[in-house]
Amino acid sequence: MITTSSSDCSPVAPAVVTPKLPVTVDTKGRVRTSKEQRRVILAEFERSGVSAAQFAQRTGLKYSTLAAWLQRYRRAKRPRPRSPVRLLEAVVAPAPLTLPLQVQLPGGARLEVREVSQVPLVAALVRALEKSC
């Protein structure tokens, strides 16, 4: 039970326990950690159940540093594709015409084309007949 004296009107807040983090600070105040130290810190963050901003504030880390560590950690945990994508060439056989193509020539001659492969031959024939007229 927490009690206060009558002269002290301020509420008593529970003390926030700051976990002891395995970090090293250089002469300029920058936090230096090894990969193993980061893993320990991130595991402590996961166990804490608080937001990243709250965890950073409680532990004295910069939020941007913690957020960058989290991003790299989560990206590394994503499953990677098992094999690279391979592209294969697809060869499609020409489809036969369902109905014959009929070409009516000016002299009354009629030409039926039943195979797609014959279309360039018919086009060459029409051009040759056109030149001779």
Protein backbone atom coordinates (compact mmCIF):
# COMPACT_ATOMS: atom_id res chain seq x y z
CA MET A 1 0.00 0.00 0.00
CA ILE A 2 1.34 3.42 -0.99
CA THR A 3 0.59 6.32 1.33
CA THR A 4 1.38 9.99 1.12
CA SER A 5 1.67 12.56 3.85
CA SER A 6 -0.94 15.27 4.08
CA SER A 7 1.59 17.96 3.15
CA ASP A 8 2.50 16.19 -0.12
CA CYS A 9 -0.40 16.38 -2.58
CA SER A 10 1.40 14.99 -5.62
CA PRO A 11 0.29 11.51 -6.73
CA VAL A 12 2.77 8.71 -6.38
CA ALA A 13 3.57 7.06 -9.70
CA PRO A 14 5.05 3.59 -9.84
CA ALA A 15 8.70 3.60 -10.81
CA VAL A 16 9.39 2.60 -14.39
CA VAL A 17 11.94 -0.17 -14.51
CA THR A 18 14.49 0.53 -17.21
CA PRO A 19 16.09 -2.67 -18.38
CA LYS A 20 19.86 -2.77 -18.43
CA LEU A 21 20.77 -2.87 -22.11
CA PRO A 22 24.10 -4.13 -23.43
CA VAL A 23 25.17 -1.02 -25.35
CA THR A 24 28.36 0.94 -25.69
CA VAL A 25 28.36 4.73 -26.10
CA ASP A 26 31.27 6.38 -27.90
CA THR A 27 32.80 9.80 -27.07
CA LYS A 28 30.23 11.60 -29.23
CA GLY A 29 27.30 9.92 -27.45
CA ARG A 30 26.47 7.52 -30.28
CA VAL A 31 25.26 4.06 -29.36
CA ARG A 32 27.51 1.26 -30.63
CA THR A 33 26.23 -2.31 -30.55
CA SER A 34 27.20 -5.62 -32.04
CA LYS A 35 24.69 -7.80 -33.87
CA GLU A 36 24.36 -10.00 -30.80
CA GLN A 37 23.68 -6.98 -28.59
CA ARG A 38 20.99 -5.81 -31.01
CA ARG A 39 19.36 -9.24 -30.92
CA VAL A 40 19.23 -9.07 -27.11
CA ILE A 41 17.74 -5.56 -27.20
CA LEU A 42 15.14 -6.53 -29.81
CA ALA A 43 14.21 -9.63 -27.83
CA GLU A 44 13.74 -7.44 -24.75
CA PHE A 45 11.57 -5.09 -26.82
CA GLU A 46 9.41 -8.00 -28.00
CA ARG A 47 8.97 -9.18 -24.38
CA SER A 48 8.18 -5.68 -23.10
CA GLY A 49 4.82 -5.38 -24.89
CA VAL A 50 5.16 -1.59 -25.22
CA SER A 51 5.40 0.52 -28.35
CA ALA A 52 8.76 1.16 -29.96
CA ALA A 53 8.59 4.83 -29.00
CA GLN A 54 7.91 3.99 -25.35
CA PHE A 55 10.66 1.35 -25.28
CA ALA A 56 13.17 3.77 -26.84
CA GLN A 57 12.26 6.47 -24.31
CA ARG A 58 12.51 4.09 -21.34
CA THR A 59 15.86 2.66 -22.41
CA GLY A 60 17.50 5.84 -23.66
CA LEU A 61 17.82 4.68 -27.27
CA LYS A 62 16.88 7.00 -30.09
CA TYR A 63 13.58 5.98 -31.63
CA SER A 64 15.04 6.19 -35.16
CA THR A 65 17.84 3.80 -34.18
CA LEU A 66 15.43 1.29 -32.68
CA ALA A 67 13.08 1.58 -35.67
CA ALA A 68 15.96 0.92 -38.09
CA TRP A 69 17.04 -2.14 -36.10
CA LEU A 70 13.46 -3.44 -36.09
CA GLN A 71 13.10 -2.92 -39.82
CA ARG A 72 16.33 -4.81 -40.58
CA TYR A 73 15.41 -7.59 -38.14
CA ARG A 74 11.91 -8.04 -39.58
CA ARG A 75 13.20 -7.92 -43.16
CA ALA A 76 15.73 -10.65 -42.36
CA LYS A 77 12.97 -12.83 -40.85
CA ARG A 78 10.89 -12.78 -44.05
CA PRO A 79 11.02 -16.02 -46.01
CA ARG A 80 13.08 -15.69 -49.14
CA PRO A 81 12.08 -17.26 -52.43
CA ARG A 82 13.51 -20.76 -52.73
CA SER A 83 14.67 -20.40 -56.29
CA PRO A 84 14.99 -17.48 -58.67
CA VAL A 85 12.30 -16.90 -61.26
CA ARG A 86 13.09 -18.54 -64.57
CA LEU A 87 11.57 -17.40 -67.84
CA LEU A 88 10.88 -19.99 -70.50
CA GLU A 89 10.14 -19.42 -74.15
CA ALA A 90 6.70 -20.60 -75.18
CA VAL A 91 6.25 -21.81 -78.74
CA VAL A 92 2.66 -21.77 -79.93
CA ALA A 93 1.64 -23.63 -83.06
CA PRO A 94 -0.52 -21.60 -85.44
CA ALA A 95 -4.19 -22.35 -85.05
CA PRO A 96 -6.08 -23.65 -88.07
CA LEU A 97 -8.79 -21.44 -89.47
CA THR A 98 -12.19 -22.56 -88.31
CA LEU A 99 -13.84 -21.14 -91.41
CA PRO A 100 -11.98 -20.81 -94.70
CA LEU A 101 -10.92 -17.33 -95.77
CA GLN A 102 -12.46 -16.55 -99.16
CA VAL A 103 -10.81 -14.09 -101.53
CA GLN A 104 -12.97 -12.93 -104.47
CA LEU A 105 -10.81 -11.69 -107.36
CA PRO A 106 -12.09 -9.08 -109.86
CA GLY A 107 -12.23 -11.54 -112.79
CA GLY A 108 -14.69 -13.70 -110.83
CA ALA A 109 -12.14 -16.19 -109.57
CA ARG A 110 -12.53 -17.25 -105.95
CA LEU A 111 -9.73 -18.41 -103.67
CA GLU A 112 -10.23 -20.27 -100.36
CA VAL A 113 -7.52 -20.32 -97.67
CA ARG A 114 -7.85 -23.00 -95.01
CA GLU A 115 -4.42 -22.73 -93.32
CA VAL A 116 -2.98 -19.64 -91.66
CA SER A 117 0.41 -20.48 -93.13
CA GLN A 118 -1.04 -19.90 -96.63
CA VAL A 119 -2.06 -16.26 -95.98
CA PRO A 120 1.36 -14.73 -96.97
CA LEU A 121 1.27 -16.79 -100.21
CA VAL A 122 -2.22 -15.49 -101.07
CA ALA A 123 -1.14 -11.90 -100.30
CA ALA A 124 1.84 -12.28 -102.67
CA LEU A 125 -0.46 -13.73 -105.36
CA VAL A 126 -2.90 -10.83 -105.07
CA ARG A 127 -0.06 -8.27 -105.33
CA ALA A 128 1.37 -10.05 -108.39
CA LEU A 129 -2.05 -10.11 -110.10
CA GLU A 130 -2.59 -6.46 -109.24
CA LYS A 131 0.67 -5.45 -110.96
CA SER A 132 -0.13 -7.33 -114.14
CA CYS A 133 -3.47 -5.56 -114.62
